[in-house]
Each structure stands twice: as C-alpha cells, then as structure tokens.
Amino acid sequence: METRRSGAACAVLVSLWCMAGFVTPASAQSVITGTIKDTSGAVMPGVSVEAASPALIEGSRSAVTDESGQYRIVDLRPGVYALTFTLQGFNTVKRELELSSNFTATIDIALSVGALEESVTVTGSSPVVDVQSNVKQQVLARDVLDAVPTARTIQSIGQLVVGVTLTTPDVGGSRAMQQAYFNVRAPARRRPLSWSTA
C-alpha cells in the first residue's frame, strides 16, 4: 500500500515537472525596429537606441545597431515610448510614438554630424505603419466602453469597430437575445465576410 502511494506521488511530481517545462511566461509581441543612416545615406553601426516607457517594468530597453545599421527592440508592451538615438559626434535624435499590441513599428532615422550637446526632437511626423503585418488591432479604453450605450455583449462591442455591421442591429441591448452575425467588408476581396458568434 505504501509503495502504491509513493509511486502515485512520484507520478504526480513527474507530471507537474513536465507541465512546468511547457509553460512559458506571457510576453508582449510588439517590436520597434529600423535602420539608422547618416545624411549621405550610409548605414551607421554602433548607434545606441533606447526605448523608455512607463509601460515597461524596467523603465527602458536599449539596443545597438549592427554592421548594416539595423536595430531591433522586442517584447515591448503597449504604451507611449520615447526613443533616443545617440552616437558620439552626431546629433542626438528623439522620437515619441504610441505602440499598440502585436505591432511592429519601423522607425528609420538619419543622424547628422553635430556637437555633442545638440539634440533634435522629431515632432509632427507621419503616422507609423506596420509594414510586416496586415493585422490591425485596437484596444477600446474603459471610459469609451462606459460612455457608449451598448448591451455589453460581444456583438454590441464588436459593432464599435470601424467597418463592422450586424445583421440584426442591437441598440442598447434591445436585440440582445437574437442571433446576430458580424459583416465585415474585405477591401481586397470586394465582398462581405460573415461569421456567427452564437
């Protein structure tokens, strides 16, 4: 009897140990990447790139450009980031951007020769476009969800997304008990796609 109990205990411990090997910590998938060149178009290795944000536990993450002038900062959480590009003998360039989840932001910078104390802050630039993924994600803030009169169902929240309509419009939960389908216009295929959530 004692042998069976010890065998069962060993089996449970081995199972837990195996499952622990498959558990990986959750991490954000957002990335900031790009290429740094000088004003003549030549790539610049050795440039320090720092991404600082309150969204990061450690406060900031940094990278250094490789021999092809490219840098990559991975596993970033959604939030507002302040990027600083520095190299001795060149002007320091600062750039701010808001990073959403599962997004690859490509930030290419051109550094110009200047004094060490000079810095350039880029403002009013064009919006960042993810050129490596065709997925668009958006997080609706709690104040927006509380302000909009919806039924708090997946259908009523889903119709807040631009381009999404319901087969049975639900205003304030008046049609919450009826089966509804999402209709999404796909520009590439030029016809609506439908799926059921019920």
N, C-alpha and C. Protein backbone atom coordinates (compact mmCIF):
# COMPACT_ATOMS: atom_id res chain seq x y z
N MET A 1 0.83 -1.20 0.00
CA MET A 1 0.00 0.00 0.00
C MET A 1 0.87 1.26 0.00
N GLU A 2 1.90 1.22 0.85
CA GLU A 2 2.82 2.36 0.91
C GLU A 2 3.56 2.55 -0.40
N THR A 3 3.87 1.44 -1.08
CA THR A 3 4.55 1.52 -2.37
C THR A 3 3.68 2.19 -3.42
N ARG A 4 2.36 1.87 -3.38
CA ARG A 4 1.45 2.48 -4.34
C ARG A 4 1.36 4.00 -4.12
N ARG A 5 1.30 4.40 -2.85
CA ARG A 5 1.20 5.84 -2.56
C ARG A 5 2.45 6.58 -3.01
N SER A 6 3.61 6.00 -2.74
CA SER A 6 4.85 6.66 -3.16
C SER A 6 4.96 6.69 -4.68
N GLY A 7 4.49 5.62 -5.33
CA GLY A 7 4.50 5.60 -6.80
C GLY A 7 3.58 6.65 -7.39
N ALA A 8 2.40 6.81 -6.76
CA ALA A 8 1.46 7.83 -7.23
C ALA A 8 2.02 9.22 -7.01
N ALA A 9 2.67 9.42 -5.86
CA ALA A 9 3.26 10.73 -5.58
C ALA A 9 4.36 11.05 -6.59
N CYS A 10 5.17 10.06 -6.92
CA CYS A 10 6.22 10.27 -7.93
C CYS A 10 5.63 10.60 -9.28
N ALA A 11 4.54 9.91 -9.63
CA ALA A 11 3.89 10.17 -10.93
C ALA A 11 3.36 11.59 -10.98
N VAL A 12 2.77 12.07 -9.87
CA VAL A 12 2.25 13.44 -9.83
C VAL A 12 3.38 14.45 -9.95
N LEU A 13 4.48 14.21 -9.26
CA LEU A 13 5.63 15.13 -9.33
C LEU A 13 6.23 15.17 -10.73
N VAL A 14 6.34 14.01 -11.37
CA VAL A 14 6.87 13.97 -12.74
C VAL A 14 5.94 14.71 -13.69
N SER A 15 4.62 14.54 -13.51
CA SER A 15 3.66 15.25 -14.38
C SER A 15 3.77 16.75 -14.22
N LEU A 16 3.85 17.21 -12.95
CA LEU A 16 3.99 18.64 -12.70
C LEU A 16 5.29 19.19 -13.28
N TRP A 17 6.34 18.43 -13.17
CA TRP A 17 7.63 18.87 -13.71
C TRP A 17 7.58 18.97 -15.22
N CYS A 18 6.92 18.01 -15.88
CA CYS A 18 6.79 18.05 -17.35
C CYS A 18 5.94 19.23 -17.79
N MET A 19 4.84 19.48 -17.05
CA MET A 19 3.98 20.60 -17.42
C MET A 19 4.69 21.93 -17.22
N ALA A 20 5.52 22.02 -16.21
CA ALA A 20 6.26 23.26 -15.96
C ALA A 20 7.21 23.56 -17.09
N GLY A 21 7.70 22.52 -17.76
CA GLY A 21 8.61 22.74 -18.88
C GLY A 21 7.93 23.34 -20.08
N PHE A 22 6.59 23.13 -20.19
CA PHE A 22 5.86 23.66 -21.34
C PHE A 22 5.28 25.03 -21.08
N VAL A 23 5.28 25.48 -19.84
CA VAL A 23 4.72 26.80 -19.51
C VAL A 23 5.75 27.87 -19.82
N THR A 24 5.37 28.82 -20.62
CA THR A 24 6.25 29.93 -20.95
C THR A 24 5.61 31.22 -20.46
N PRO A 25 6.39 32.16 -19.98
CA PRO A 25 5.82 33.41 -19.49
C PRO A 25 5.20 34.21 -20.62
N ALA A 26 4.07 34.84 -20.32
CA ALA A 26 3.40 35.67 -21.32
C ALA A 26 4.24 36.91 -21.59
N SER A 27 4.38 37.22 -22.86
CA SER A 27 5.17 38.38 -23.21
C SER A 27 4.49 39.15 -24.32
N ALA A 28 4.69 40.44 -24.35
CA ALA A 28 4.13 41.25 -25.40
C ALA A 28 4.84 40.96 -26.70
N GLN A 29 4.13 41.17 -27.80
CA GLN A 29 4.69 40.84 -29.10
C GLN A 29 5.10 42.06 -29.91
N SER A 30 4.98 43.24 -29.34
CA SER A 30 5.28 44.44 -30.10
C SER A 30 6.79 44.63 -30.25
N VAL A 31 7.18 45.20 -31.38
CA VAL A 31 8.60 45.35 -31.73
C VAL A 31 8.83 46.75 -32.29
N ILE A 32 9.97 47.33 -31.96
CA ILE A 32 10.42 48.56 -32.61
C ILE A 32 11.71 48.22 -33.34
N THR A 33 11.74 48.48 -34.64
CA THR A 33 12.89 48.15 -35.46
C THR A 33 13.12 49.25 -36.48
N GLY A 34 14.24 49.19 -37.16
CA GLY A 34 14.53 50.20 -38.18
C GLY A 34 15.99 50.22 -38.56
N THR A 35 16.32 51.15 -39.43
CA THR A 35 17.68 51.32 -39.92
C THR A 35 18.11 52.76 -39.68
N ILE A 36 19.35 52.92 -39.25
CA ILE A 36 19.88 54.26 -38.99
C ILE A 36 20.99 54.55 -40.00
N LYS A 37 20.89 55.70 -40.65
CA LYS A 37 21.87 56.13 -41.64
C LYS A 37 22.30 57.55 -41.33
N ASP A 38 23.37 57.99 -41.98
CA ASP A 38 23.74 59.40 -41.87
C ASP A 38 23.07 60.17 -43.00
N THR A 39 23.33 61.46 -43.07
CA THR A 39 22.65 62.29 -44.06
C THR A 39 23.05 61.96 -45.49
N SER A 40 24.17 61.26 -45.67
CA SER A 40 24.59 60.86 -47.02
C SER A 40 23.98 59.53 -47.45
N GLY A 41 23.30 58.85 -46.53
CA GLY A 41 22.67 57.57 -46.86
C GLY A 41 23.49 56.36 -46.45
N ALA A 42 24.66 56.56 -45.84
CA ALA A 42 25.49 55.44 -45.40
C ALA A 42 24.96 54.90 -44.08
N VAL A 43 24.93 53.56 -43.95
CA VAL A 43 24.44 52.95 -42.72
C VAL A 43 25.40 53.22 -41.58
N MET A 44 24.87 53.24 -40.35
CA MET A 44 25.66 53.61 -39.18
C MET A 44 25.61 52.50 -38.13
N PRO A 45 26.64 51.69 -38.01
CA PRO A 45 26.69 50.71 -36.92
C PRO A 45 27.11 51.38 -35.62
N GLY A 46 26.75 50.75 -34.50
CA GLY A 46 27.18 51.24 -33.20
C GLY A 46 26.35 52.35 -32.61
N VAL A 47 25.19 52.65 -33.19
CA VAL A 47 24.32 53.69 -32.64
C VAL A 47 23.51 53.10 -31.49
N SER A 48 23.48 53.79 -30.37
CA SER A 48 22.70 53.35 -29.21
C SER A 48 21.26 53.81 -29.37
N VAL A 49 20.32 52.86 -29.20
CA VAL A 49 18.90 53.16 -29.30
C VAL A 49 18.26 52.78 -27.97
N GLU A 50 17.61 53.75 -27.34
CA GLU A 50 16.94 53.50 -26.06
C GLU A 50 15.45 53.77 -26.21
N ALA A 51 14.64 52.81 -25.75
CA ALA A 51 13.19 52.94 -25.74
C ALA A 51 12.73 53.00 -24.30
N ALA A 52 12.24 54.17 -23.86
CA ALA A 52 11.79 54.36 -22.48
C ALA A 52 10.29 54.53 -22.46
N SER A 53 9.64 53.86 -21.47
CA SER A 53 8.19 53.95 -21.36
C SER A 53 7.76 53.55 -19.95
N PRO A 54 6.71 54.18 -19.42
CA PRO A 54 6.16 53.73 -18.14
C PRO A 54 5.55 52.34 -18.23
N ALA A 55 5.28 51.85 -19.45
CA ALA A 55 4.69 50.53 -19.62
C ALA A 55 5.68 49.41 -19.31
N LEU A 56 6.97 49.73 -19.34
CA LEU A 56 7.99 48.72 -19.06
C LEU A 56 8.30 48.67 -17.57
N ILE A 57 8.43 47.47 -17.04
CA ILE A 57 8.75 47.32 -15.62
C ILE A 57 10.12 47.90 -15.33
N GLU A 58 11.09 47.64 -16.24
CA GLU A 58 12.44 48.13 -16.04
C GLU A 58 12.61 49.59 -16.46
N GLY A 59 11.58 50.19 -17.04
CA GLY A 59 11.63 51.60 -17.40
C GLY A 59 12.11 51.87 -18.81
N SER A 60 13.11 51.11 -19.28
CA SER A 60 13.62 51.33 -20.64
C SER A 60 14.35 50.08 -21.11
N ARG A 61 14.44 49.97 -22.42
CA ARG A 61 15.23 48.91 -23.05
C ARG A 61 16.07 49.54 -24.14
N SER A 62 17.21 48.93 -24.40
CA SER A 62 18.12 49.53 -25.38
C SER A 62 18.67 48.48 -26.33
N ALA A 63 19.17 48.97 -27.43
CA ALA A 63 19.80 48.12 -28.44
C ALA A 63 20.86 48.95 -29.14
N VAL A 64 21.73 48.26 -29.88
CA VAL A 64 22.80 48.90 -30.65
C VAL A 64 22.70 48.42 -32.09
N THR A 65 22.85 49.34 -33.03
CA THR A 65 22.74 48.95 -34.43
C THR A 65 23.91 48.05 -34.83
N ASP A 66 23.61 47.10 -35.73
CA ASP A 66 24.63 46.17 -36.19
C ASP A 66 25.40 46.77 -37.37
N GLU A 67 26.18 45.92 -38.05
CA GLU A 67 27.01 46.42 -39.14
C GLU A 67 26.21 46.93 -40.33
N SER A 68 24.93 46.52 -40.42
CA SER A 68 24.08 47.03 -41.50
C SER A 68 23.23 48.21 -41.06
N GLY A 69 23.48 48.73 -39.85
CA GLY A 69 22.76 49.89 -39.36
C GLY A 69 21.37 49.59 -38.83
N GLN A 70 21.06 48.31 -38.63
CA GLN A 70 19.73 47.93 -38.18
C GLN A 70 19.71 47.67 -36.67
N TYR A 71 18.58 47.96 -36.06
CA TYR A 71 18.36 47.68 -34.64
C TYR A 71 17.01 47.03 -34.48
N ARG A 72 16.80 46.38 -33.35
CA ARG A 72 15.53 45.70 -33.08
C ARG A 72 15.35 45.57 -31.57
N ILE A 73 14.26 46.12 -31.05
CA ILE A 73 13.91 46.01 -29.64
C ILE A 73 12.60 45.24 -29.56
N VAL A 74 12.62 44.07 -28.91
CA VAL A 74 11.48 43.15 -28.94
C VAL A 74 10.80 43.06 -27.59
N ASP A 75 9.65 42.35 -27.60
CA ASP A 75 8.86 42.08 -26.39
C ASP A 75 8.49 43.35 -25.65
N LEU A 76 7.92 44.29 -26.36
CA LEU A 76 7.51 45.56 -25.76
C LEU A 76 6.01 45.56 -25.48
N ARG A 77 5.64 46.12 -24.36
CA ARG A 77 4.22 46.22 -24.01
C ARG A 77 3.60 47.45 -24.68
N PRO A 78 2.28 47.44 -24.90
CA PRO A 78 1.63 48.61 -25.49
C PRO A 78 1.79 49.83 -24.59
N GLY A 79 1.98 50.99 -25.21
CA GLY A 79 2.13 52.23 -24.46
C GLY A 79 2.85 53.28 -25.27
N VAL A 80 3.12 54.40 -24.64
CA VAL A 80 3.84 55.51 -25.28
C VAL A 80 5.33 55.34 -25.00
N TYR A 81 6.14 55.41 -26.05
CA TYR A 81 7.59 55.20 -25.93
C TYR A 81 8.34 56.44 -26.40
N ALA A 82 9.40 56.75 -25.67
CA ALA A 82 10.31 57.82 -26.06
C ALA A 82 11.61 57.17 -26.53
N LEU A 83 11.91 57.33 -27.83
CA LEU A 83 13.11 56.74 -28.41
C LEU A 83 14.22 57.78 -28.45
N THR A 84 15.42 57.35 -28.11
CA THR A 84 16.59 58.23 -28.15
C THR A 84 17.69 57.54 -28.93
N PHE A 85 18.19 58.21 -29.97
CA PHE A 85 19.24 57.68 -30.83
C PHE A 85 20.51 58.50 -30.60
N THR A 86 21.57 57.86 -30.13
CA THR A 86 22.79 58.60 -29.81
C THR A 86 24.01 57.91 -30.38
N LEU A 87 24.96 58.72 -30.83
CA LEU A 87 26.27 58.27 -31.27
C LEU A 87 27.21 59.46 -31.14
N GLN A 88 28.37 59.21 -30.56
CA GLN A 88 29.32 60.28 -30.32
C GLN A 88 29.71 60.96 -31.63
N GLY A 89 29.64 62.29 -31.62
CA GLY A 89 29.98 63.08 -32.80
C GLY A 89 28.79 63.40 -33.68
N PHE A 90 27.60 62.87 -33.33
CA PHE A 90 26.38 63.11 -34.11
C PHE A 90 25.31 63.68 -33.20
N ASN A 91 24.37 64.41 -33.83
CA ASN A 91 23.25 64.96 -33.08
C ASN A 91 22.40 63.84 -32.49
N THR A 92 21.94 64.03 -31.27
CA THR A 92 21.02 63.09 -30.64
C THR A 92 19.62 63.35 -31.18
N VAL A 93 18.95 62.28 -31.61
CA VAL A 93 17.59 62.40 -32.15
C VAL A 93 16.63 61.71 -31.19
N LYS A 94 15.52 62.39 -30.90
CA LYS A 94 14.49 61.83 -30.03
C LYS A 94 13.20 61.71 -30.81
N ARG A 95 12.48 60.63 -30.54
CA ARG A 95 11.23 60.37 -31.26
C ARG A 95 10.25 59.72 -30.30
N GLU A 96 9.00 60.16 -30.32
CA GLU A 96 7.96 59.57 -29.50
C GLU A 96 6.93 58.87 -30.37
N LEU A 97 6.43 57.76 -29.88
CA LEU A 97 5.39 57.04 -30.61
C LEU A 97 4.54 56.24 -29.63
N GLU A 98 3.30 55.97 -30.04
CA GLU A 98 2.41 55.14 -29.25
C GLU A 98 2.37 53.77 -29.88
N LEU A 99 2.72 52.75 -29.12
CA LEU A 99 2.85 51.39 -29.61
C LEU A 99 1.65 50.58 -29.15
N SER A 100 0.95 49.97 -30.11
CA SER A 100 -0.18 49.10 -29.76
C SER A 100 0.30 47.66 -29.63
N SER A 101 -0.58 46.78 -29.25
CA SER A 101 -0.19 45.38 -29.04
C SER A 101 0.00 44.68 -30.37
N ASN A 102 0.93 43.70 -30.40
CA ASN A 102 1.22 42.90 -31.58
C ASN A 102 1.48 43.78 -32.81
N PHE A 103 2.34 44.75 -32.65
CA PHE A 103 2.61 45.73 -33.70
C PHE A 103 4.12 45.84 -33.90
N THR A 104 4.53 45.93 -35.15
CA THR A 104 5.93 46.13 -35.48
C THR A 104 6.10 47.54 -36.04
N ALA A 105 6.69 48.42 -35.25
CA ALA A 105 6.90 49.80 -35.66
C ALA A 105 8.28 49.93 -36.29
N THR A 106 8.32 50.40 -37.53
CA THR A 106 9.57 50.59 -38.24
C THR A 106 9.94 52.07 -38.20
N ILE A 107 11.00 52.39 -37.47
CA ILE A 107 11.45 53.77 -37.31
C ILE A 107 12.84 53.90 -37.90
N ASP A 108 12.93 54.52 -39.06
CA ASP A 108 14.21 54.78 -39.71
C ASP A 108 14.65 56.21 -39.39
N ILE A 109 15.92 56.37 -39.04
CA ILE A 109 16.43 57.67 -38.61
C ILE A 109 17.68 58.03 -39.40
N ALA A 110 17.82 59.31 -39.69
CA ALA A 110 19.04 59.83 -40.31
C ALA A 110 19.72 60.77 -39.32
N LEU A 111 20.95 60.44 -38.94
CA LEU A 111 21.71 61.27 -38.00
C LEU A 111 22.64 62.21 -38.75
N SER A 112 22.72 63.42 -38.27
CA SER A 112 23.60 64.40 -38.88
C SER A 112 24.75 64.72 -37.92
N VAL A 113 25.87 65.13 -38.50
CA VAL A 113 27.04 65.46 -37.70
C VAL A 113 26.76 66.74 -36.93
N GLY A 114 27.17 66.76 -35.66
CA GLY A 114 26.94 67.95 -34.86
C GLY A 114 27.67 67.86 -33.55
N ALA A 115 27.53 68.89 -32.73
CA ALA A 115 28.17 68.92 -31.42
C ALA A 115 27.45 67.95 -30.49
N LEU A 116 28.14 67.51 -29.46
CA LEU A 116 27.60 66.52 -28.55
C LEU A 116 26.40 67.04 -27.78
N GLU A 117 26.35 68.36 -27.52
CA GLU A 117 25.27 68.87 -26.70
C GLU A 117 24.01 69.14 -27.51
N GLU A 118 24.07 69.04 -28.84
CA GLU A 118 22.90 69.30 -29.65
C GLU A 118 21.99 68.08 -29.69
N SER A 119 20.69 68.33 -29.81
CA SER A 119 19.74 67.24 -29.94
C SER A 119 18.60 67.70 -30.84
N VAL A 120 17.99 66.76 -31.53
CA VAL A 120 16.88 67.04 -32.42
C VAL A 120 15.70 66.19 -31.99
N THR A 121 14.56 66.85 -31.76
CA THR A 121 13.35 66.14 -31.40
C THR A 121 12.40 66.16 -32.58
N VAL A 122 12.01 64.97 -33.04
CA VAL A 122 11.12 64.87 -34.19
C VAL A 122 9.68 64.93 -33.71
N THR A 123 8.92 65.91 -34.21
CA THR A 123 7.51 66.04 -33.86
C THR A 123 6.70 66.24 -35.13
N GLY A 124 5.43 65.88 -35.05
CA GLY A 124 4.55 66.06 -36.19
C GLY A 124 4.91 65.20 -37.39
N SER A 125 5.50 64.04 -37.14
CA SER A 125 5.88 63.17 -38.23
C SER A 125 4.68 62.35 -38.70
N SER A 126 4.85 61.65 -39.81
CA SER A 126 3.77 60.83 -40.35
C SER A 126 3.51 59.65 -39.42
N PRO A 127 2.28 59.15 -39.40
CA PRO A 127 1.95 58.03 -38.50
C PRO A 127 2.74 56.77 -38.85
N VAL A 128 3.05 55.99 -37.82
CA VAL A 128 3.82 54.78 -38.02
C VAL A 128 2.93 53.70 -38.61
N VAL A 129 3.42 53.00 -39.63
CA VAL A 129 2.68 51.94 -40.29
C VAL A 129 3.44 50.65 -40.12
N ASP A 130 2.72 49.60 -39.74
CA ASP A 130 3.32 48.27 -39.61
C ASP A 130 3.39 47.65 -40.99
N VAL A 131 4.60 47.57 -41.57
CA VAL A 131 4.77 47.03 -42.91
C VAL A 131 5.05 45.54 -42.89
N GLN A 132 5.09 44.92 -41.72
CA GLN A 132 5.39 43.50 -41.63
C GLN A 132 4.17 42.65 -41.28
N SER A 133 3.03 43.29 -41.03
CA SER A 133 1.82 42.55 -40.69
C SER A 133 0.61 43.29 -41.23
N ASN A 134 -0.42 42.53 -41.64
CA ASN A 134 -1.65 43.16 -42.14
C ASN A 134 -2.76 43.14 -41.09
N VAL A 135 -2.39 42.84 -39.84
CA VAL A 135 -3.36 42.79 -38.76
C VAL A 135 -3.45 44.16 -38.09
N LYS A 136 -4.67 44.65 -37.91
CA LYS A 136 -4.90 45.92 -37.21
C LYS A 136 -5.65 45.63 -35.93
N GLN A 137 -5.04 45.98 -34.82
CA GLN A 137 -5.67 45.78 -33.53
C GLN A 137 -5.84 47.11 -32.83
N GLN A 138 -6.93 47.20 -32.07
CA GLN A 138 -7.18 48.43 -31.33
C GLN A 138 -7.80 48.07 -29.99
N VAL A 139 -7.32 48.71 -28.94
CA VAL A 139 -7.84 48.48 -27.59
C VAL A 139 -8.79 49.61 -27.25
N LEU A 140 -10.03 49.24 -26.90
CA LEU A 140 -11.01 50.24 -26.50
C LEU A 140 -10.85 50.51 -25.01
N ALA A 141 -10.64 51.75 -24.67
CA ALA A 141 -10.43 52.12 -23.28
C ALA A 141 -11.72 51.96 -22.48
N ARG A 142 -11.57 51.78 -21.18
CA ARG A 142 -12.73 51.57 -20.31
C ARG A 142 -13.68 52.76 -20.34
N ASP A 143 -13.15 54.00 -20.39
CA ASP A 143 -14.03 55.17 -20.41
C ASP A 143 -14.87 55.22 -21.68
N VAL A 144 -14.31 54.72 -22.81
CA VAL A 144 -15.08 54.67 -24.06
C VAL A 144 -16.20 53.65 -23.95
N LEU A 145 -15.89 52.46 -23.44
CA LEU A 145 -16.91 51.42 -23.30
C LEU A 145 -18.01 51.85 -22.34
N ASP A 146 -17.66 52.60 -21.28
CA ASP A 146 -18.67 53.05 -20.33
C ASP A 146 -19.53 54.17 -20.90
N ALA A 147 -18.97 54.97 -21.80
CA ALA A 147 -19.71 56.12 -22.34
C ALA A 147 -20.67 55.73 -23.45
N VAL A 148 -20.38 54.64 -24.19
CA VAL A 148 -21.22 54.25 -25.32
C VAL A 148 -22.36 53.36 -24.81
N PRO A 149 -23.61 53.67 -25.18
CA PRO A 149 -24.75 52.86 -24.71
C PRO A 149 -24.84 51.53 -25.46
N THR A 150 -24.21 50.51 -24.93
CA THR A 150 -24.25 49.18 -25.53
C THR A 150 -24.78 48.18 -24.51
N ALA A 151 -25.04 46.96 -24.99
CA ALA A 151 -25.56 45.91 -24.12
C ALA A 151 -24.45 45.15 -23.42
N ARG A 152 -23.20 45.52 -23.64
CA ARG A 152 -22.03 44.87 -23.04
C ARG A 152 -21.91 43.41 -23.49
N THR A 153 -22.38 43.11 -24.70
CA THR A 153 -22.20 41.78 -25.27
C THR A 153 -21.11 41.84 -26.33
N ILE A 154 -20.66 40.66 -26.77
CA ILE A 154 -19.60 40.63 -27.79
C ILE A 154 -20.08 41.26 -29.10
N GLN A 155 -21.39 41.10 -29.40
CA GLN A 155 -21.90 41.70 -30.63
C GLN A 155 -21.95 43.22 -30.54
N SER A 156 -22.44 43.74 -29.42
CA SER A 156 -22.57 45.18 -29.30
C SER A 156 -21.22 45.87 -29.23
N ILE A 157 -20.23 45.22 -28.62
CA ILE A 157 -18.89 45.80 -28.59
C ILE A 157 -18.22 45.64 -29.94
N GLY A 158 -18.47 44.53 -30.62
CA GLY A 158 -17.86 44.30 -31.93
C GLY A 158 -18.30 45.31 -32.97
N GLN A 159 -19.55 45.80 -32.86
CA GLN A 159 -20.02 46.76 -33.86
C GLN A 159 -19.41 48.15 -33.67
N LEU A 160 -18.63 48.35 -32.61
CA LEU A 160 -17.92 49.61 -32.44
C LEU A 160 -16.70 49.71 -33.35
N VAL A 161 -16.25 48.57 -33.89
CA VAL A 161 -15.09 48.56 -34.78
C VAL A 161 -15.50 49.12 -36.13
N VAL A 162 -14.65 49.97 -36.69
CA VAL A 162 -14.95 50.59 -37.98
C VAL A 162 -15.04 49.51 -39.06
N GLY A 163 -16.11 49.54 -39.85
CA GLY A 163 -16.29 48.59 -40.94
C GLY A 163 -17.08 47.35 -40.56
N VAL A 164 -17.46 47.22 -39.29
CA VAL A 164 -18.22 46.06 -38.83
C VAL A 164 -19.68 46.45 -38.63
N THR A 165 -20.58 45.66 -39.21
CA THR A 165 -22.01 45.86 -39.01
C THR A 165 -22.63 44.54 -38.55
N LEU A 166 -23.80 44.63 -37.95
CA LEU A 166 -24.53 43.44 -37.50
C LEU A 166 -25.72 43.19 -38.39
N THR A 167 -26.05 41.90 -38.60
CA THR A 167 -27.23 41.58 -39.40
C THR A 167 -28.50 42.01 -38.68
N THR A 168 -28.46 41.99 -37.35
CA THR A 168 -29.57 42.47 -36.53
C THR A 168 -29.05 43.58 -35.62
N PRO A 169 -29.24 44.84 -35.98
CA PRO A 169 -28.70 45.93 -35.16
C PRO A 169 -29.23 45.87 -33.73
N ASP A 170 -28.35 46.06 -32.79
CA ASP A 170 -28.69 45.99 -31.37
C ASP A 170 -28.41 47.35 -30.74
N VAL A 171 -29.46 48.07 -30.42
CA VAL A 171 -29.32 49.40 -29.82
C VAL A 171 -29.61 49.29 -28.33
N GLY A 172 -28.57 49.47 -27.53
CA GLY A 172 -28.73 49.44 -26.08
C GLY A 172 -29.21 48.12 -25.53
N GLY A 173 -29.01 47.02 -26.26
CA GLY A 173 -29.41 45.71 -25.77
C GLY A 173 -30.83 45.31 -26.12
N SER A 174 -31.51 46.05 -27.02
CA SER A 174 -32.90 45.74 -27.36
C SER A 174 -33.03 44.44 -28.14
N ARG A 175 -31.95 44.00 -28.82
CA ARG A 175 -31.98 42.75 -29.59
C ARG A 175 -30.94 41.77 -29.07
N ALA A 176 -30.61 41.84 -27.80
CA ALA A 176 -29.52 41.03 -27.24
C ALA A 176 -29.82 39.54 -27.28
N MET A 177 -31.11 39.16 -27.27
CA MET A 177 -31.47 37.75 -27.23
C MET A 177 -31.54 37.11 -28.62
N GLN A 178 -31.38 37.88 -29.69
CA GLN A 178 -31.47 37.34 -31.02
C GLN A 178 -30.08 37.03 -31.56
N GLN A 179 -30.02 36.01 -32.41
CA GLN A 179 -28.75 35.63 -33.01
C GLN A 179 -28.32 36.69 -34.03
N ALA A 180 -27.08 37.14 -33.91
CA ALA A 180 -26.57 38.18 -34.81
C ALA A 180 -25.28 37.72 -35.44
N TYR A 181 -25.02 38.23 -36.64
CA TYR A 181 -23.80 37.92 -37.37
C TYR A 181 -23.03 39.21 -37.62
N PHE A 182 -21.70 39.09 -37.60
CA PHE A 182 -20.87 40.23 -37.98
C PHE A 182 -20.73 40.25 -39.50
N ASN A 183 -20.81 41.42 -40.09
CA ASN A 183 -20.49 41.62 -41.50
C ASN A 183 -19.29 42.54 -41.59
N VAL A 184 -18.22 42.06 -42.25
CA VAL A 184 -17.00 42.84 -42.38
C VAL A 184 -16.67 42.97 -43.85
N ARG A 185 -16.49 44.18 -44.30
CA ARG A 185 -16.12 44.42 -45.70
C ARG A 185 -14.64 44.19 -45.85
N ALA A 186 -14.25 43.26 -46.74
CA ALA A 186 -12.84 42.97 -47.02
C ALA A 186 -12.47 43.66 -48.32
N PRO A 187 -11.68 44.75 -48.28
CA PRO A 187 -11.37 45.52 -49.50
C PRO A 187 -10.69 44.70 -50.58
N ALA A 188 -9.82 43.75 -50.19
CA ALA A 188 -9.07 43.00 -51.20
C ALA A 188 -9.98 42.07 -51.98
N ARG A 189 -11.01 41.52 -51.34
CA ARG A 189 -11.87 40.55 -51.99
C ARG A 189 -13.14 41.18 -52.52
N ARG A 190 -13.45 42.39 -52.10
CA ARG A 190 -14.60 43.15 -52.58
C ARG A 190 -15.92 42.42 -52.31
N ARG A 191 -15.99 41.66 -51.24
CA ARG A 191 -17.27 41.08 -50.85
C ARG A 191 -17.28 40.89 -49.34
N PRO A 192 -18.46 40.93 -48.71
CA PRO A 192 -18.51 40.85 -47.24
C PRO A 192 -18.20 39.46 -46.74
N LEU A 193 -17.58 39.41 -45.57
CA LEU A 193 -17.34 38.15 -44.89
C LEU A 193 -18.27 38.11 -43.68
N SER A 194 -18.82 36.93 -43.39
CA SER A 194 -19.75 36.80 -42.29
C SER A 194 -19.34 35.64 -41.42
N TRP A 195 -19.53 35.81 -40.12
CA TRP A 195 -19.35 34.68 -39.22
C TRP A 195 -20.29 34.85 -38.04
N SER A 196 -20.57 33.75 -37.39
CA SER A 196 -21.51 33.77 -36.29
C SER A 196 -20.78 33.75 -34.98
N THR A 197 -21.35 34.43 -33.99
CA THR A 197 -20.76 34.40 -32.64
C THR A 197 -21.66 33.66 -31.68
N ALA A 198 -22.80 33.18 -32.17
CA ALA A 198 -23.74 32.48 -31.30
C ALA A 198 -23.57 30.97 -31.45
